[in-house]
Amino acid sequence: SLNALIARAADFYGPDNKSSALNMMVIDKFMQGKKAQAFGDIHKLHTYTYTPDAAKATALLGNTSDAYNQVWHVPTTKEKLTNLQWIALAANELGVKPDVQTIPLWLIKLLGLFIPIMKEFPEMMYQYEQDYMFDSSKFEKRFGLTATPPADGIKCTIEKLKANQVNR
């Protein structure tokens, strides 16, 4: 018999995360002196999972025998923030204006023809067109590990990016 478990997460963000939409389209853009870019309705709620939280949770699950044969949602913020509020957190931490350019679906489909990572985005657009909330309370109750608050996660992510720029 196969012993397995499923560990799910929302969209990721965090230090050393090169393919996170929040990192690439918001934090990196602001650090380059550009406007943030966003998909869909920026006024809809959207949860993100901080990658260090996901890493700790995954290691914990893998080393817990009674966690197997279950589905787990790794710790993800319970704060109900819109995408615009996430963008504002990053802008505030960097001391820039929270200017945003929204990207329409037709452009995402066009970009998908040339940029491989963009090819899968149209099928995920529902997460940006309606409220996207992720519930990790089962994990939190079982293991007592909660998500890093968004402001702290954004601060740590930006601090790490700045440190990496200095060390280049």
N, C-alpha and C. Protein backbone atom coordinates (compact mmCIF):
# COMPACT_ATOMS: atom_id res chain seq x y z
N SER A 1 0.84 -1.18 0.00
CA SER A 1 0.00 0.00 0.00
C SER A 1 0.88 1.24 0.00
N LEU A 2 0.36 2.26 -0.60
CA LEU A 2 1.09 3.52 -0.74
C LEU A 2 0.74 4.46 0.41
N ASN A 3 1.73 4.97 1.07
CA ASN A 3 1.53 5.97 2.12
C ASN A 3 1.89 7.32 1.53
N ALA A 4 0.92 8.22 1.47
CA ALA A 4 1.17 9.53 0.88
C ALA A 4 0.32 10.57 1.58
N LEU A 5 0.65 11.81 1.33
CA LEU A 5 -0.18 12.91 1.81
C LEU A 5 -0.15 14.00 0.75
N ILE A 6 -1.09 14.89 0.83
CA ILE A 6 -1.14 16.03 -0.09
C ILE A 6 -0.99 17.29 0.76
N ALA A 7 -0.02 18.12 0.40
CA ALA A 7 0.18 19.41 1.06
C ALA A 7 -0.13 20.49 0.03
N ARG A 8 -1.16 21.27 0.28
CA ARG A 8 -1.56 22.33 -0.65
C ARG A 8 -1.19 23.69 -0.08
N ALA A 9 -1.01 24.63 -1.00
CA ALA A 9 -0.71 26.01 -0.62
C ALA A 9 -1.44 26.95 -1.57
N ALA A 10 -1.58 28.20 -1.14
CA ALA A 10 -2.09 29.24 -2.03
C ALA A 10 -0.91 29.71 -2.90
N ASP A 11 -1.06 30.81 -3.59
CA ASP A 11 0.06 31.37 -4.35
C ASP A 11 1.19 31.68 -3.37
N PHE A 12 2.40 31.43 -3.80
CA PHE A 12 3.55 31.67 -2.94
C PHE A 12 4.10 33.08 -3.05
N TYR A 13 4.76 33.51 -1.99
CA TYR A 13 5.63 34.68 -2.01
C TYR A 13 6.68 34.43 -0.93
N GLY A 14 7.78 35.12 -1.03
CA GLY A 14 8.80 34.99 0.01
C GLY A 14 10.19 35.13 -0.53
N PRO A 15 11.17 35.10 0.38
CA PRO A 15 12.57 35.25 -0.03
C PRO A 15 13.00 34.09 -0.93
N ASP A 16 13.89 34.40 -1.85
CA ASP A 16 14.47 33.40 -2.76
C ASP A 16 13.42 32.71 -3.63
N ASN A 17 12.29 33.36 -3.86
CA ASN A 17 11.23 32.78 -4.68
C ASN A 17 11.22 33.51 -6.02
N LYS A 18 11.81 32.88 -7.03
CA LYS A 18 12.00 33.53 -8.33
C LYS A 18 10.76 33.49 -9.22
N SER A 19 9.80 32.61 -8.93
CA SER A 19 8.66 32.49 -9.84
C SER A 19 7.32 32.85 -9.21
N SER A 20 7.34 33.57 -8.10
CA SER A 20 6.11 34.01 -7.46
C SER A 20 5.57 35.24 -8.17
N ALA A 21 4.27 35.24 -8.46
CA ALA A 21 3.65 36.40 -9.10
C ALA A 21 3.82 37.65 -8.23
N LEU A 22 3.62 37.51 -6.92
CA LEU A 22 3.74 38.67 -6.03
C LEU A 22 5.19 39.19 -6.02
N ASN A 23 6.15 38.29 -5.99
CA ASN A 23 7.55 38.71 -6.03
C ASN A 23 7.88 39.39 -7.36
N MET A 24 7.57 38.70 -8.47
CA MET A 24 7.98 39.18 -9.80
C MET A 24 7.22 40.42 -10.25
N MET A 25 5.91 40.43 -10.01
CA MET A 25 5.07 41.47 -10.60
C MET A 25 4.85 42.67 -9.68
N VAL A 26 5.20 42.51 -8.42
CA VAL A 26 4.99 43.62 -7.49
C VAL A 26 6.33 44.06 -6.89
N ILE A 27 6.92 43.22 -6.07
CA ILE A 27 8.14 43.61 -5.35
C ILE A 27 9.28 43.93 -6.31
N ASP A 28 9.55 43.02 -7.27
CA ASP A 28 10.64 43.26 -8.22
C ASP A 28 10.39 44.53 -9.03
N LYS A 29 9.16 44.73 -9.47
CA LYS A 29 8.83 45.92 -10.28
C LYS A 29 9.07 47.19 -9.46
N PHE A 30 8.58 47.22 -8.22
CA PHE A 30 8.80 48.39 -7.38
C PHE A 30 10.30 48.64 -7.17
N MET A 31 11.06 47.56 -6.96
CA MET A 31 12.50 47.71 -6.73
C MET A 31 13.23 48.21 -7.98
N GLN A 32 12.60 48.00 -9.16
CA GLN A 32 13.17 48.50 -10.41
C GLN A 32 12.67 49.91 -10.73
N GLY A 33 11.89 50.50 -9.82
CA GLY A 33 11.37 51.84 -10.03
C GLY A 33 10.16 51.87 -10.96
N LYS A 34 9.52 50.71 -11.17
CA LYS A 34 8.37 50.62 -12.07
C LYS A 34 7.08 50.44 -11.28
N LYS A 35 5.96 50.49 -12.00
CA LYS A 35 4.65 50.20 -11.40
C LYS A 35 4.53 48.70 -11.17
N ALA A 36 3.76 48.35 -10.14
CA ALA A 36 3.43 46.94 -9.93
C ALA A 36 2.50 46.52 -11.06
N GLN A 37 2.46 45.23 -11.35
CA GLN A 37 1.54 44.68 -12.34
C GLN A 37 0.66 43.67 -11.62
N ALA A 38 -0.60 43.59 -12.03
CA ALA A 38 -1.52 42.68 -11.38
C ALA A 38 -2.52 42.14 -12.39
N PHE A 39 -3.01 40.93 -12.10
CA PHE A 39 -4.04 40.28 -12.91
C PHE A 39 -5.40 40.55 -12.29
N GLY A 40 -6.42 40.50 -13.11
CA GLY A 40 -7.79 40.48 -12.61
C GLY A 40 -8.20 41.70 -11.83
N ASP A 41 -9.12 41.48 -10.89
CA ASP A 41 -9.70 42.54 -10.08
C ASP A 41 -8.87 42.71 -8.81
N ILE A 42 -8.11 43.79 -8.72
CA ILE A 42 -7.21 44.00 -7.59
C ILE A 42 -7.96 44.31 -6.28
N HIS A 43 -9.28 44.45 -6.37
CA HIS A 43 -10.09 44.72 -5.17
C HIS A 43 -10.68 43.45 -4.58
N LYS A 44 -10.36 42.30 -5.18
CA LYS A 44 -10.82 41.01 -4.65
C LYS A 44 -9.83 40.51 -3.61
N LEU A 45 -10.34 39.78 -2.61
CA LEU A 45 -9.47 39.21 -1.59
C LEU A 45 -8.59 38.13 -2.20
N HIS A 46 -7.36 38.04 -1.72
CA HIS A 46 -6.43 37.03 -2.25
C HIS A 46 -5.47 36.62 -1.14
N THR A 47 -5.38 35.33 -0.89
CA THR A 47 -4.42 34.86 0.11
C THR A 47 -3.17 34.34 -0.57
N TYR A 48 -2.06 34.53 0.11
CA TYR A 48 -0.76 34.05 -0.34
C TYR A 48 -0.14 33.24 0.79
N THR A 49 0.70 32.27 0.40
CA THR A 49 1.43 31.44 1.36
C THR A 49 2.89 31.87 1.33
N TYR A 50 3.43 32.15 2.50
CA TYR A 50 4.83 32.55 2.66
C TYR A 50 5.69 31.29 2.56
N THR A 51 6.64 31.28 1.64
CA THR A 51 7.39 30.06 1.35
C THR A 51 8.11 29.46 2.57
N PRO A 52 8.72 30.24 3.47
CA PRO A 52 9.32 29.60 4.65
C PRO A 52 8.28 28.86 5.51
N ASP A 53 7.05 29.37 5.58
CA ASP A 53 5.99 28.68 6.32
C ASP A 53 5.67 27.35 5.63
N ALA A 54 5.57 27.38 4.31
CA ALA A 54 5.26 26.16 3.55
C ALA A 54 6.37 25.13 3.71
N ALA A 55 7.62 25.58 3.71
CA ALA A 55 8.75 24.66 3.86
C ALA A 55 8.73 23.98 5.23
N LYS A 56 8.53 24.76 6.29
CA LYS A 56 8.45 24.19 7.64
C LYS A 56 7.31 23.19 7.74
N ALA A 57 6.16 23.58 7.21
CA ALA A 57 4.97 22.72 7.29
C ALA A 57 5.16 21.42 6.52
N THR A 58 5.76 21.50 5.35
CA THR A 58 5.98 20.30 4.53
C THR A 58 6.94 19.35 5.23
N ALA A 59 8.00 19.89 5.81
CA ALA A 59 8.96 19.05 6.56
C ALA A 59 8.27 18.39 7.76
N LEU A 60 7.46 19.16 8.45
CA LEU A 60 6.73 18.65 9.61
C LEU A 60 5.78 17.53 9.20
N LEU A 61 5.04 17.75 8.12
CA LEU A 61 4.11 16.72 7.63
C LEU A 61 4.84 15.44 7.25
N GLY A 62 5.95 15.59 6.53
CA GLY A 62 6.70 14.43 6.07
C GLY A 62 7.29 13.60 7.20
N ASN A 63 7.44 14.23 8.36
CA ASN A 63 8.01 13.55 9.52
C ASN A 63 6.97 13.20 10.58
N THR A 64 5.69 13.23 10.19
CA THR A 64 4.61 12.92 11.12
C THR A 64 3.80 11.76 10.54
N SER A 65 4.00 10.58 11.09
CA SER A 65 3.39 9.38 10.50
C SER A 65 1.87 9.43 10.42
N ASP A 66 1.20 10.03 11.41
CA ASP A 66 -0.26 10.05 11.33
C ASP A 66 -0.81 11.18 10.44
N ALA A 67 0.08 11.93 9.80
CA ALA A 67 -0.36 12.96 8.85
C ALA A 67 -0.62 12.36 7.47
N TYR A 68 -0.13 11.15 7.25
CA TYR A 68 -0.27 10.51 5.94
C TYR A 68 -1.72 10.12 5.65
N ASN A 69 -2.00 9.95 4.36
CA ASN A 69 -3.33 9.60 3.86
C ASN A 69 -4.36 10.68 4.18
N GLN A 70 -3.89 11.93 4.18
CA GLN A 70 -4.76 13.08 4.39
C GLN A 70 -4.34 14.22 3.46
N VAL A 71 -5.22 15.19 3.33
CA VAL A 71 -4.93 16.42 2.58
C VAL A 71 -4.74 17.53 3.60
N TRP A 72 -3.66 18.28 3.44
CA TRP A 72 -3.34 19.37 4.36
C TRP A 72 -3.17 20.67 3.59
N HIS A 73 -3.64 21.76 4.16
CA HIS A 73 -3.36 23.10 3.63
C HIS A 73 -2.32 23.70 4.55
N VAL A 74 -1.15 24.02 4.01
CA VAL A 74 -0.06 24.56 4.82
C VAL A 74 -0.44 25.95 5.34
N PRO A 75 0.17 26.41 6.44
CA PRO A 75 -0.21 27.70 7.03
C PRO A 75 -0.21 28.85 6.01
N THR A 76 -1.36 29.49 5.94
CA THR A 76 -1.58 30.59 5.01
C THR A 76 -2.36 31.66 5.77
N THR A 77 -2.02 32.91 5.54
CA THR A 77 -2.61 33.99 6.31
C THR A 77 -4.14 33.94 6.33
N LYS A 78 -4.67 34.28 7.48
CA LYS A 78 -6.13 34.42 7.62
C LYS A 78 -6.56 35.87 7.40
N GLU A 79 -5.58 36.78 7.34
CA GLU A 79 -5.92 38.20 7.11
C GLU A 79 -6.58 38.33 5.75
N LYS A 80 -7.70 39.01 5.73
CA LYS A 80 -8.45 39.16 4.49
C LYS A 80 -7.97 40.42 3.76
N LEU A 81 -6.96 40.24 2.92
CA LEU A 81 -6.37 41.35 2.18
C LEU A 81 -6.72 41.23 0.70
N THR A 82 -6.99 42.35 0.08
CA THR A 82 -7.17 42.36 -1.38
C THR A 82 -5.79 42.37 -2.03
N ASN A 83 -5.76 42.08 -3.32
CA ASN A 83 -4.47 42.17 -4.02
C ASN A 83 -3.91 43.58 -3.91
N LEU A 84 -4.78 44.57 -3.97
CA LEU A 84 -4.32 45.96 -3.84
C LEU A 84 -3.69 46.20 -2.47
N GLN A 85 -4.23 45.59 -1.42
CA GLN A 85 -3.64 45.74 -0.09
C GLN A 85 -2.28 45.05 0.02
N TRP A 86 -2.12 43.90 -0.64
CA TRP A 86 -0.80 43.24 -0.69
C TRP A 86 0.19 44.16 -1.40
N ILE A 87 -0.24 44.76 -2.51
CA ILE A 87 0.61 45.67 -3.27
C ILE A 87 1.00 46.86 -2.40
N ALA A 88 0.03 47.38 -1.65
CA ALA A 88 0.30 48.53 -0.77
C ALA A 88 1.30 48.15 0.34
N LEU A 89 1.22 46.92 0.86
CA LEU A 89 2.20 46.48 1.88
C LEU A 89 3.62 46.55 1.31
N ALA A 90 3.78 46.05 0.09
CA ALA A 90 5.11 46.06 -0.54
C ALA A 90 5.57 47.49 -0.82
N ALA A 91 4.67 48.31 -1.33
CA ALA A 91 5.02 49.71 -1.63
C ALA A 91 5.42 50.44 -0.36
N ASN A 92 4.66 50.24 0.72
CA ASN A 92 4.95 50.87 2.00
C ASN A 92 6.32 50.46 2.52
N GLU A 93 6.61 49.17 2.43
CA GLU A 93 7.91 48.66 2.92
C GLU A 93 9.07 49.24 2.12
N LEU A 94 8.83 49.49 0.84
CA LEU A 94 9.89 50.03 -0.03
C LEU A 94 9.87 51.56 -0.09
N GLY A 95 8.86 52.18 0.50
CA GLY A 95 8.76 53.64 0.48
C GLY A 95 8.45 54.20 -0.89
N VAL A 96 7.63 53.48 -1.66
CA VAL A 96 7.23 53.96 -3.00
C VAL A 96 5.71 54.07 -3.07
N LYS A 97 5.22 54.75 -4.11
CA LYS A 97 3.78 54.86 -4.31
C LYS A 97 3.23 53.52 -4.80
N PRO A 98 2.05 53.11 -4.32
CA PRO A 98 1.48 51.81 -4.74
C PRO A 98 0.81 51.87 -6.11
N ASP A 99 1.54 52.35 -7.12
CA ASP A 99 0.99 52.43 -8.47
C ASP A 99 0.90 51.04 -9.09
N VAL A 100 -0.22 50.76 -9.74
CA VAL A 100 -0.48 49.43 -10.31
C VAL A 100 -0.97 49.54 -11.74
N GLN A 101 -0.46 48.64 -12.55
CA GLN A 101 -0.94 48.48 -13.93
C GLN A 101 -1.60 47.10 -13.98
N THR A 102 -2.90 47.05 -14.31
CA THR A 102 -3.56 45.75 -14.39
C THR A 102 -3.40 45.18 -15.80
N ILE A 103 -3.26 43.87 -15.87
CA ILE A 103 -3.01 43.18 -17.13
C ILE A 103 -4.28 42.42 -17.53
N PRO A 104 -4.86 42.77 -18.68
CA PRO A 104 -6.09 42.08 -19.11
C PRO A 104 -5.83 40.65 -19.59
N LEU A 105 -6.86 39.81 -19.52
CA LEU A 105 -6.77 38.41 -19.90
C LEU A 105 -6.24 38.21 -21.32
N TRP A 106 -6.69 39.04 -22.27
CA TRP A 106 -6.25 38.86 -23.66
C TRP A 106 -4.73 39.02 -23.77
N LEU A 107 -4.17 39.93 -22.98
CA LEU A 107 -2.72 40.15 -23.03
C LEU A 107 -1.97 38.98 -22.40
N ILE A 108 -2.54 38.42 -21.34
CA ILE A 108 -1.93 37.25 -20.70
C ILE A 108 -1.87 36.09 -21.69
N LYS A 109 -2.97 35.88 -22.43
CA LYS A 109 -2.99 34.81 -23.43
C LYS A 109 -1.96 35.05 -24.52
N LEU A 110 -1.83 36.29 -24.94
CA LEU A 110 -0.84 36.65 -25.96
C LEU A 110 0.58 36.41 -25.44
N LEU A 111 0.85 36.85 -24.22
CA LEU A 111 2.18 36.66 -23.62
C LEU A 111 2.51 35.17 -23.48
N GLY A 112 1.49 34.35 -23.23
CA GLY A 112 1.67 32.91 -23.10
C GLY A 112 2.24 32.26 -24.35
N LEU A 113 2.05 32.90 -25.50
CA LEU A 113 2.62 32.38 -26.75
C LEU A 113 4.14 32.53 -26.77
N PHE A 114 4.66 33.49 -26.02
CA PHE A 114 6.09 33.80 -26.05
C PHE A 114 6.82 33.51 -24.74
N ILE A 115 6.09 33.53 -23.65
CA ILE A 115 6.70 33.33 -22.33
C ILE A 115 6.08 32.08 -21.70
N PRO A 116 6.85 31.00 -21.64
CA PRO A 116 6.29 29.72 -21.17
C PRO A 116 5.54 29.78 -19.84
N ILE A 117 6.07 30.51 -18.85
CA ILE A 117 5.41 30.55 -17.54
C ILE A 117 4.02 31.20 -17.61
N MET A 118 3.81 32.07 -18.59
CA MET A 118 2.53 32.77 -18.73
C MET A 118 1.46 31.88 -19.38
N LYS A 119 1.87 30.79 -19.98
CA LYS A 119 0.94 29.90 -20.68
C LYS A 119 -0.12 29.34 -19.75
N GLU A 120 0.25 29.07 -18.49
CA GLU A 120 -0.69 28.45 -17.55
C GLU A 120 -1.56 29.46 -16.80
N PHE A 121 -1.26 30.73 -16.89
CA PHE A 121 -2.00 31.74 -16.14
C PHE A 121 -3.48 31.86 -16.49
N PRO A 122 -3.87 31.82 -17.77
CA PRO A 122 -5.31 31.99 -18.06
C PRO A 122 -6.21 31.02 -17.30
N GLU A 123 -5.78 29.77 -17.13
CA GLU A 123 -6.63 28.82 -16.41
C GLU A 123 -6.66 29.09 -14.91
N MET A 124 -5.75 29.91 -14.40
CA MET A 124 -5.72 30.25 -12.98
C MET A 124 -6.37 31.61 -12.70
N MET A 125 -6.87 32.27 -13.72
CA MET A 125 -7.41 33.62 -13.57
C MET A 125 -8.58 33.70 -12.60
N TYR A 126 -9.32 32.60 -12.43
CA TYR A 126 -10.44 32.63 -11.49
C TYR A 126 -9.99 33.08 -10.11
N GLN A 127 -8.73 32.81 -9.77
CA GLN A 127 -8.20 33.19 -8.45
C GLN A 127 -8.06 34.71 -8.31
N TYR A 128 -8.07 35.40 -9.44
CA TYR A 128 -7.88 36.86 -9.43
C TYR A 128 -9.16 37.61 -9.80
N GLU A 129 -10.18 36.89 -10.24
CA GLU A 129 -11.44 37.52 -10.67
C GLU A 129 -12.49 37.45 -9.56
N GLN A 130 -12.26 36.63 -8.55
CA GLN A 130 -13.18 36.51 -7.42
C GLN A 130 -12.33 36.38 -6.16
N ASP A 131 -12.98 36.48 -5.00
CA ASP A 131 -12.22 36.33 -3.76
C ASP A 131 -11.59 34.94 -3.72
N TYR A 132 -10.33 34.88 -3.35
CA TYR A 132 -9.59 33.62 -3.27
C TYR A 132 -9.02 33.48 -1.87
N MET A 133 -9.74 32.73 -1.04
CA MET A 133 -9.34 32.55 0.35
C MET A 133 -8.96 31.09 0.57
N PHE A 134 -7.93 30.91 1.35
CA PHE A 134 -7.35 29.59 1.59
C PHE A 134 -7.43 29.30 3.08
N ASP A 135 -7.94 28.15 3.46
CA ASP A 135 -8.15 27.84 4.87
C ASP A 135 -7.17 26.77 5.35
N SER A 136 -6.26 27.16 6.23
CA SER A 136 -5.27 26.21 6.75
C SER A 136 -5.52 25.88 8.23
N SER A 137 -6.75 26.06 8.69
CA SER A 137 -7.05 25.86 10.11
C SER A 137 -6.85 24.41 10.57
N LYS A 138 -7.07 23.42 9.70
CA LYS A 138 -6.84 22.02 10.08
C LYS A 138 -5.38 21.82 10.49
N PHE A 139 -4.46 22.33 9.68
CA PHE A 139 -3.03 22.21 9.96
C PHE A 139 -2.69 22.96 11.26
N GLU A 140 -3.20 24.18 11.38
CA GLU A 140 -2.89 25.01 12.55
C GLU A 140 -3.36 24.35 13.84
N LYS A 141 -4.56 23.77 13.81
CA LYS A 141 -5.09 23.08 15.00
C LYS A 141 -4.23 21.87 15.36
N ARG A 142 -3.83 21.11 14.36
CA ARG A 142 -3.07 19.87 14.58
C ARG A 142 -1.64 20.15 15.05
N PHE A 143 -0.98 21.14 14.44
CA PHE A 143 0.44 21.36 14.69
C PHE A 143 0.78 22.64 15.46
N GLY A 144 -0.20 23.52 15.64
CA GLY A 144 0.04 24.76 16.38
C GLY A 144 0.94 25.74 15.67
N LEU A 145 1.12 25.56 14.37
CA LEU A 145 1.96 26.46 13.57
C LEU A 145 1.05 27.36 12.75
N THR A 146 1.21 28.66 12.88
CA THR A 146 0.37 29.60 12.13
C THR A 146 1.22 30.36 11.10
N ALA A 147 0.53 31.00 10.19
CA ALA A 147 1.20 31.72 9.10
C ALA A 147 1.89 32.98 9.61
N THR A 148 2.98 33.32 8.97
CA THR A 148 3.66 34.59 9.21
C THR A 148 2.72 35.71 8.79
N PRO A 149 2.54 36.75 9.61
CA PRO A 149 1.68 37.87 9.19
C PRO A 149 2.19 38.49 7.88
N PRO A 150 1.29 38.88 6.99
CA PRO A 150 1.69 39.42 5.69
C PRO A 150 2.72 40.55 5.76
N ALA A 151 2.53 41.51 6.67
CA ALA A 151 3.48 42.62 6.75
C ALA A 151 4.89 42.12 7.09
N ASP A 152 4.98 41.13 7.98
CA ASP A 152 6.28 40.56 8.34
C ASP A 152 6.89 39.79 7.17
N GLY A 153 6.06 39.00 6.46
CA GLY A 153 6.54 38.24 5.32
C GLY A 153 7.06 39.14 4.20
N ILE A 154 6.32 40.20 3.92
CA ILE A 154 6.74 41.17 2.89
C ILE A 154 8.05 41.83 3.32
N LYS A 155 8.14 42.24 4.59
CA LYS A 155 9.36 42.89 5.11
C LYS A 155 10.57 41.96 4.96
N CYS A 156 10.44 40.72 5.38
CA CYS A 156 11.55 39.76 5.28
C CYS A 156 11.94 39.49 3.84
N THR A 157 10.95 39.38 2.97
CA THR A 157 11.21 39.14 1.54
C THR A 157 12.02 40.28 0.95
N ILE A 158 11.60 41.50 1.24
CA ILE A 158 12.28 42.67 0.70
C ILE A 158 13.68 42.82 1.30
N GLU A 159 13.81 42.58 2.59
CA GLU A 159 15.14 42.65 3.23
C GLU A 159 16.11 41.68 2.56
N LYS A 160 15.65 40.47 2.29
CA LYS A 160 16.49 39.45 1.65
C LYS A 160 16.86 39.87 0.22
N LEU A 161 15.89 40.41 -0.52
CA LEU A 161 16.18 40.88 -1.88
C LEU A 161 17.21 42.00 -1.87
N LYS A 162 17.07 42.92 -0.95
CA LYS A 162 18.03 44.03 -0.84
C LYS A 162 19.42 43.50 -0.48
N ALA A 163 19.49 42.54 0.45
CA ALA A 163 20.77 41.96 0.85
C ALA A 163 21.42 41.24 -0.33
N ASN A 164 20.60 40.54 -1.14
CA ASN A 164 21.14 39.85 -2.31
C ASN A 164 21.69 40.82 -3.34
N GLN A 165 21.05 42.00 -3.48
CA GLN A 165 21.55 43.02 -4.41
C GLN A 165 22.92 43.53 -3.97
N VAL A 166 23.08 43.75 -2.68
CA VAL A 166 24.34 44.24 -2.13
C VAL A 166 25.46 43.24 -2.30
N ASN A 167 25.13 41.95 -2.17
CA ASN A 167 26.14 40.88 -2.24
C ASN A 167 26.51 40.46 -3.66
N ARG A 168 25.93 41.10 -4.64
CA ARG A 168 26.26 40.70 -6.03
C ARG A 168 27.55 41.28 -6.48
